[in-house]
Amino acid sequence: MSNETFSFADEPAPTKNAQEPAPAQLLLDWLQCWNKNVITTRQIRVFGPKRLRDRESAISAIETLTKRGWLRPIQARQRNYRLWQIVRKVHPSVAA
């Protein structure tokens, strides 16, 4: 009998270190599938990605996309109603 030991048996299993996309990128990817040309904050919070369901993260992602030119604010009929036009470009990326 031999007393062989295998080094791979003692090593822990490798873990994946995948980073989650930024909330703005997540919203931008989701907006590319939205079938309308305009969207409201409420629609993003109800139908959008789960990470954007709370008010603060949704507004933060919307502000980022507005600064980058992916969303344009539109005048709404009610003052407490926020409406944005979706700008569709060829390669959707927040960084670009």
N, C-alpha and C. Protein backbone atom coordinates (compact mmCIF):
# COMPACT_ATOMS: atom_id res chain seq x y z
N MET A 1 0.82 -1.18 0.00
CA MET A 1 0.00 0.00 0.00
C MET A 1 0.87 1.24 0.00
N SER A 2 0.42 2.19 -0.74
CA SER A 2 1.15 3.45 -0.77
C SER A 2 0.36 4.52 -0.02
N ASN A 3 1.06 5.43 0.54
CA ASN A 3 0.43 6.52 1.30
C ASN A 3 0.41 7.80 0.46
N GLU A 4 -0.24 7.74 -0.64
CA GLU A 4 -0.31 8.91 -1.51
C GLU A 4 -1.38 9.89 -1.01
N THR A 5 -1.07 11.13 -1.12
CA THR A 5 -2.06 12.17 -0.82
C THR A 5 -2.14 13.08 -2.04
N PHE A 6 -3.31 13.49 -2.31
CA PHE A 6 -3.53 14.34 -3.47
C PHE A 6 -3.70 15.78 -3.01
N SER A 7 -2.96 16.66 -3.62
CA SER A 7 -2.99 18.06 -3.19
C SER A 7 -4.33 18.73 -3.49
N PHE A 8 -5.00 18.32 -4.54
CA PHE A 8 -6.26 18.98 -4.88
C PHE A 8 -7.37 18.63 -3.89
N ALA A 9 -7.21 17.58 -3.13
CA ALA A 9 -8.24 17.20 -2.16
C ALA A 9 -8.26 18.15 -0.96
N ASP A 10 -7.11 18.77 -0.66
CA ASP A 10 -7.03 19.66 0.50
C ASP A 10 -7.39 21.10 0.15
N GLU A 11 -7.40 21.44 -1.11
CA GLU A 11 -7.67 22.82 -1.51
C GLU A 11 -9.17 23.10 -1.48
N PRO A 12 -9.55 24.30 -1.07
CA PRO A 12 -10.98 24.65 -1.09
C PRO A 12 -11.45 24.81 -2.54
N ALA A 13 -12.72 24.64 -2.71
CA ALA A 13 -13.29 24.78 -4.05
C ALA A 13 -13.17 26.23 -4.51
N PRO A 14 -12.82 26.44 -5.77
CA PRO A 14 -12.69 27.81 -6.26
C PRO A 14 -14.05 28.52 -6.27
N THR A 15 -14.05 29.76 -5.88
CA THR A 15 -15.28 30.54 -5.87
C THR A 15 -15.26 31.53 -7.02
N LYS A 16 -16.41 31.77 -7.57
CA LYS A 16 -16.52 32.73 -8.65
C LYS A 16 -16.61 34.12 -8.05
N ASN A 17 -15.82 35.02 -8.56
CA ASN A 17 -15.79 36.38 -8.06
C ASN A 17 -16.41 37.31 -9.10
N ALA A 18 -17.61 36.99 -9.50
CA ALA A 18 -18.29 37.79 -10.53
C ALA A 18 -18.92 39.01 -9.87
N GLN A 19 -18.64 40.16 -10.46
CA GLN A 19 -19.22 41.39 -9.94
C GLN A 19 -20.58 41.61 -10.56
N GLU A 20 -21.48 42.11 -9.75
CA GLU A 20 -22.80 42.44 -10.26
C GLU A 20 -22.71 43.76 -11.02
N PRO A 21 -23.47 43.90 -12.09
CA PRO A 21 -23.42 45.16 -12.83
C PRO A 21 -23.96 46.32 -12.00
N ALA A 22 -23.50 47.50 -12.32
CA ALA A 22 -23.96 48.70 -11.62
C ALA A 22 -25.45 48.87 -11.85
N PRO A 23 -26.17 49.49 -10.90
CA PRO A 23 -27.61 49.67 -11.06
C PRO A 23 -27.98 50.41 -12.35
N ALA A 24 -27.18 51.39 -12.75
CA ALA A 24 -27.48 52.13 -13.98
C ALA A 24 -27.35 51.22 -15.20
N GLN A 25 -26.33 50.38 -15.21
CA GLN A 25 -26.16 49.45 -16.33
C GLN A 25 -27.27 48.42 -16.35
N LEU A 26 -27.68 47.98 -15.18
CA LEU A 26 -28.78 47.03 -15.08
C LEU A 26 -30.07 47.64 -15.62
N LEU A 27 -30.32 48.89 -15.27
CA LEU A 27 -31.52 49.58 -15.78
C LEU A 27 -31.42 49.79 -17.27
N LEU A 28 -30.25 50.17 -17.77
CA LEU A 28 -30.08 50.40 -19.20
C LEU A 28 -30.32 49.12 -20.00
N ASP A 29 -29.80 48.01 -19.52
CA ASP A 29 -30.04 46.73 -20.20
C ASP A 29 -31.53 46.38 -20.21
N TRP A 30 -32.19 46.65 -19.10
CA TRP A 30 -33.62 46.37 -19.03
C TRP A 30 -34.42 47.30 -19.93
N LEU A 31 -34.03 48.56 -20.01
CA LEU A 31 -34.75 49.53 -20.84
C LEU A 31 -34.70 49.18 -22.34
N GLN A 32 -33.66 48.47 -22.75
CA GLN A 32 -33.55 48.08 -24.16
C GLN A 32 -34.65 47.10 -24.54
N CYS A 33 -35.21 46.41 -23.55
CA CYS A 33 -36.31 45.46 -23.81
C CYS A 33 -37.68 46.09 -23.60
N TRP A 34 -37.74 47.28 -23.04
CA TRP A 34 -39.01 47.96 -22.77
C TRP A 34 -39.61 48.35 -24.11
N ASN A 35 -40.86 48.01 -24.34
CA ASN A 35 -41.46 48.17 -25.66
C ASN A 35 -42.08 49.54 -25.91
N LYS A 36 -41.95 50.47 -24.98
CA LYS A 36 -42.48 51.82 -25.16
C LYS A 36 -41.33 52.81 -25.25
N ASN A 37 -41.61 54.02 -25.74
CA ASN A 37 -40.58 55.03 -25.89
C ASN A 37 -40.43 55.92 -24.66
N VAL A 38 -41.39 55.86 -23.75
CA VAL A 38 -41.33 56.64 -22.51
C VAL A 38 -41.51 55.71 -21.33
N ILE A 39 -41.03 56.18 -20.17
CA ILE A 39 -41.15 55.37 -18.95
C ILE A 39 -41.25 56.30 -17.75
N THR A 40 -41.89 55.81 -16.71
CA THR A 40 -42.03 56.58 -15.48
C THR A 40 -41.23 55.90 -14.37
N THR A 41 -41.03 56.64 -13.29
CA THR A 41 -40.34 56.07 -12.14
C THR A 41 -41.13 54.89 -11.58
N ARG A 42 -42.43 55.04 -11.55
CA ARG A 42 -43.26 53.97 -11.02
C ARG A 42 -43.14 52.70 -11.86
N GLN A 43 -43.12 52.83 -13.18
CA GLN A 43 -42.97 51.65 -14.04
C GLN A 43 -41.63 50.96 -13.81
N ILE A 44 -40.59 51.74 -13.60
CA ILE A 44 -39.27 51.15 -13.33
C ILE A 44 -39.31 50.38 -12.01
N ARG A 45 -39.93 50.96 -11.00
CA ARG A 45 -39.97 50.32 -9.69
C ARG A 45 -40.88 49.09 -9.68
N VAL A 46 -41.92 49.08 -10.50
CA VAL A 46 -42.85 47.94 -10.50
C VAL A 46 -42.38 46.84 -11.45
N PHE A 47 -42.00 47.21 -12.66
CA PHE A 47 -41.68 46.21 -13.69
C PHE A 47 -40.18 45.99 -13.89
N GLY A 48 -39.35 46.87 -13.36
CA GLY A 48 -37.91 46.83 -13.60
C GLY A 48 -37.19 45.75 -12.82
N PRO A 49 -35.86 45.77 -12.89
CA PRO A 49 -35.06 44.78 -12.16
C PRO A 49 -35.30 44.88 -10.65
N LYS A 50 -35.19 43.77 -9.97
CA LYS A 50 -35.49 43.73 -8.54
C LYS A 50 -34.57 44.62 -7.72
N ARG A 51 -33.35 44.81 -8.15
CA ARG A 51 -32.42 45.67 -7.41
C ARG A 51 -32.83 47.14 -7.46
N LEU A 52 -33.73 47.50 -8.35
CA LEU A 52 -34.15 48.89 -8.49
C LEU A 52 -35.57 49.11 -7.97
N ARG A 53 -36.06 48.24 -7.16
CA ARG A 53 -37.43 48.37 -6.67
C ARG A 53 -37.56 49.43 -5.57
N ASP A 54 -36.47 49.74 -4.86
CA ASP A 54 -36.60 50.79 -3.84
C ASP A 54 -36.34 52.15 -4.50
N ARG A 55 -36.90 53.18 -3.92
CA ARG A 55 -36.93 54.51 -4.51
C ARG A 55 -35.52 55.09 -4.73
N GLU A 56 -34.65 54.97 -3.75
CA GLU A 56 -33.33 55.59 -3.82
C GLU A 56 -32.47 55.01 -4.94
N SER A 57 -32.44 53.69 -5.06
CA SER A 57 -31.60 53.08 -6.10
C SER A 57 -32.19 53.34 -7.49
N ALA A 58 -33.51 53.38 -7.60
CA ALA A 58 -34.14 53.67 -8.90
C ALA A 58 -33.82 55.09 -9.34
N ILE A 59 -33.96 56.05 -8.44
CA ILE A 59 -33.69 57.44 -8.79
C ILE A 59 -32.22 57.65 -9.09
N SER A 60 -31.34 57.01 -8.35
CA SER A 60 -29.91 57.12 -8.61
C SER A 60 -29.55 56.59 -10.01
N ALA A 61 -30.11 55.45 -10.38
CA ALA A 61 -29.86 54.88 -11.71
C ALA A 61 -30.45 55.77 -12.80
N ILE A 62 -31.62 56.33 -12.56
CA ILE A 62 -32.25 57.22 -13.54
C ILE A 62 -31.41 58.48 -13.73
N GLU A 63 -30.90 59.05 -12.64
CA GLU A 63 -30.07 60.25 -12.74
C GLU A 63 -28.79 59.97 -13.52
N THR A 64 -28.19 58.82 -13.28
CA THR A 64 -26.98 58.45 -14.02
C THR A 64 -27.26 58.33 -15.51
N LEU A 65 -28.36 57.67 -15.87
CA LEU A 65 -28.70 57.51 -17.28
C LEU A 65 -29.09 58.84 -17.91
N THR A 66 -29.67 59.74 -17.14
CA THR A 66 -30.02 61.06 -17.66
C THR A 66 -28.75 61.86 -17.95
N LYS A 67 -27.77 61.80 -17.05
CA LYS A 67 -26.49 62.50 -17.25
C LYS A 67 -25.75 61.96 -18.47
N ARG A 68 -25.86 60.66 -18.71
CA ARG A 68 -25.15 60.02 -19.83
C ARG A 68 -25.91 60.13 -21.15
N GLY A 69 -27.13 60.64 -21.13
CA GLY A 69 -27.89 60.84 -22.36
C GLY A 69 -28.77 59.70 -22.79
N TRP A 70 -29.00 58.73 -21.91
CA TRP A 70 -29.86 57.60 -22.25
C TRP A 70 -31.33 57.86 -21.95
N LEU A 71 -31.60 58.81 -21.05
CA LEU A 71 -32.96 59.20 -20.72
C LEU A 71 -33.08 60.71 -20.81
N ARG A 72 -34.20 61.18 -21.35
CA ARG A 72 -34.48 62.62 -21.43
C ARG A 72 -35.75 62.90 -20.65
N PRO A 73 -35.70 63.86 -19.72
CA PRO A 73 -36.92 64.19 -18.98
C PRO A 73 -37.96 64.84 -19.88
N ILE A 74 -39.20 64.48 -19.66
CA ILE A 74 -40.32 65.03 -20.41
C ILE A 74 -41.26 65.70 -19.41
N GLN A 75 -41.82 66.84 -19.82
CA GLN A 75 -42.77 67.54 -18.96
C GLN A 75 -44.04 66.69 -18.81
N ALA A 76 -44.40 66.41 -17.58
CA ALA A 76 -45.60 65.62 -17.31
C ALA A 76 -46.76 66.55 -16.95
N ARG A 77 -47.96 66.03 -17.01
CA ARG A 77 -49.14 66.84 -16.70
C ARG A 77 -49.29 67.09 -15.21
N GLN A 78 -48.81 66.18 -14.40
CA GLN A 78 -48.88 66.35 -12.95
C GLN A 78 -47.48 66.66 -12.42
N ARG A 79 -47.40 67.50 -11.38
CA ARG A 79 -46.07 67.86 -10.90
C ARG A 79 -45.38 66.74 -10.17
N ASN A 80 -46.07 65.82 -9.57
CA ASN A 80 -45.43 64.72 -8.86
C ASN A 80 -45.20 63.50 -9.75
N TYR A 81 -45.39 63.65 -11.02
CA TYR A 81 -45.26 62.55 -11.99
C TYR A 81 -44.00 62.79 -12.80
N ARG A 82 -43.10 61.82 -12.83
CA ARG A 82 -41.84 61.96 -13.57
C ARG A 82 -41.86 61.02 -14.77
N LEU A 83 -41.51 61.59 -15.91
CA LEU A 83 -41.60 60.88 -17.18
C LEU A 83 -40.31 61.09 -17.95
N TRP A 84 -39.79 60.03 -18.56
CA TRP A 84 -38.56 60.11 -19.35
C TRP A 84 -38.75 59.47 -20.70
N GLN A 85 -38.10 60.06 -21.70
CA GLN A 85 -38.04 59.46 -23.02
C GLN A 85 -36.79 58.60 -23.08
N ILE A 86 -36.91 57.40 -23.61
CA ILE A 86 -35.78 56.49 -23.73
C ILE A 86 -35.06 56.77 -25.03
N VAL A 87 -33.75 57.03 -24.94
CA VAL A 87 -32.93 57.25 -26.13
C VAL A 87 -32.29 55.92 -26.48
N ARG A 88 -32.58 55.43 -27.64
CA ARG A 88 -32.05 54.13 -28.07
C ARG A 88 -30.83 54.35 -28.96
N LYS A 89 -29.72 53.75 -28.57
CA LYS A 89 -28.47 53.85 -29.31
C LYS A 89 -28.05 52.45 -29.73
N VAL A 90 -27.00 52.38 -30.52
CA VAL A 90 -26.57 51.09 -31.07
C VAL A 90 -25.97 50.17 -30.01
N HIS A 91 -25.00 50.66 -29.24
CA HIS A 91 -24.32 49.83 -28.25
C HIS A 91 -24.63 50.35 -26.85
N PRO A 92 -25.56 49.72 -26.14
CA PRO A 92 -25.95 50.22 -24.83
C PRO A 92 -24.90 49.97 -23.76
N SER A 93 -24.25 51.03 -23.31
CA SER A 93 -23.29 50.95 -22.23
C SER A 93 -23.30 52.28 -21.49
N VAL A 94 -23.32 52.22 -20.20
CA VAL A 94 -23.36 53.44 -19.40
C VAL A 94 -22.03 54.17 -19.51
N ALA A 95 -20.93 53.43 -19.53
CA ALA A 95 -19.61 54.04 -19.55
C ALA A 95 -19.33 54.82 -20.83
N ALA A 96 -19.94 54.42 -21.93
CA ALA A 96 -19.65 55.07 -23.20
C ALA A 96 -20.41 56.36 -23.38
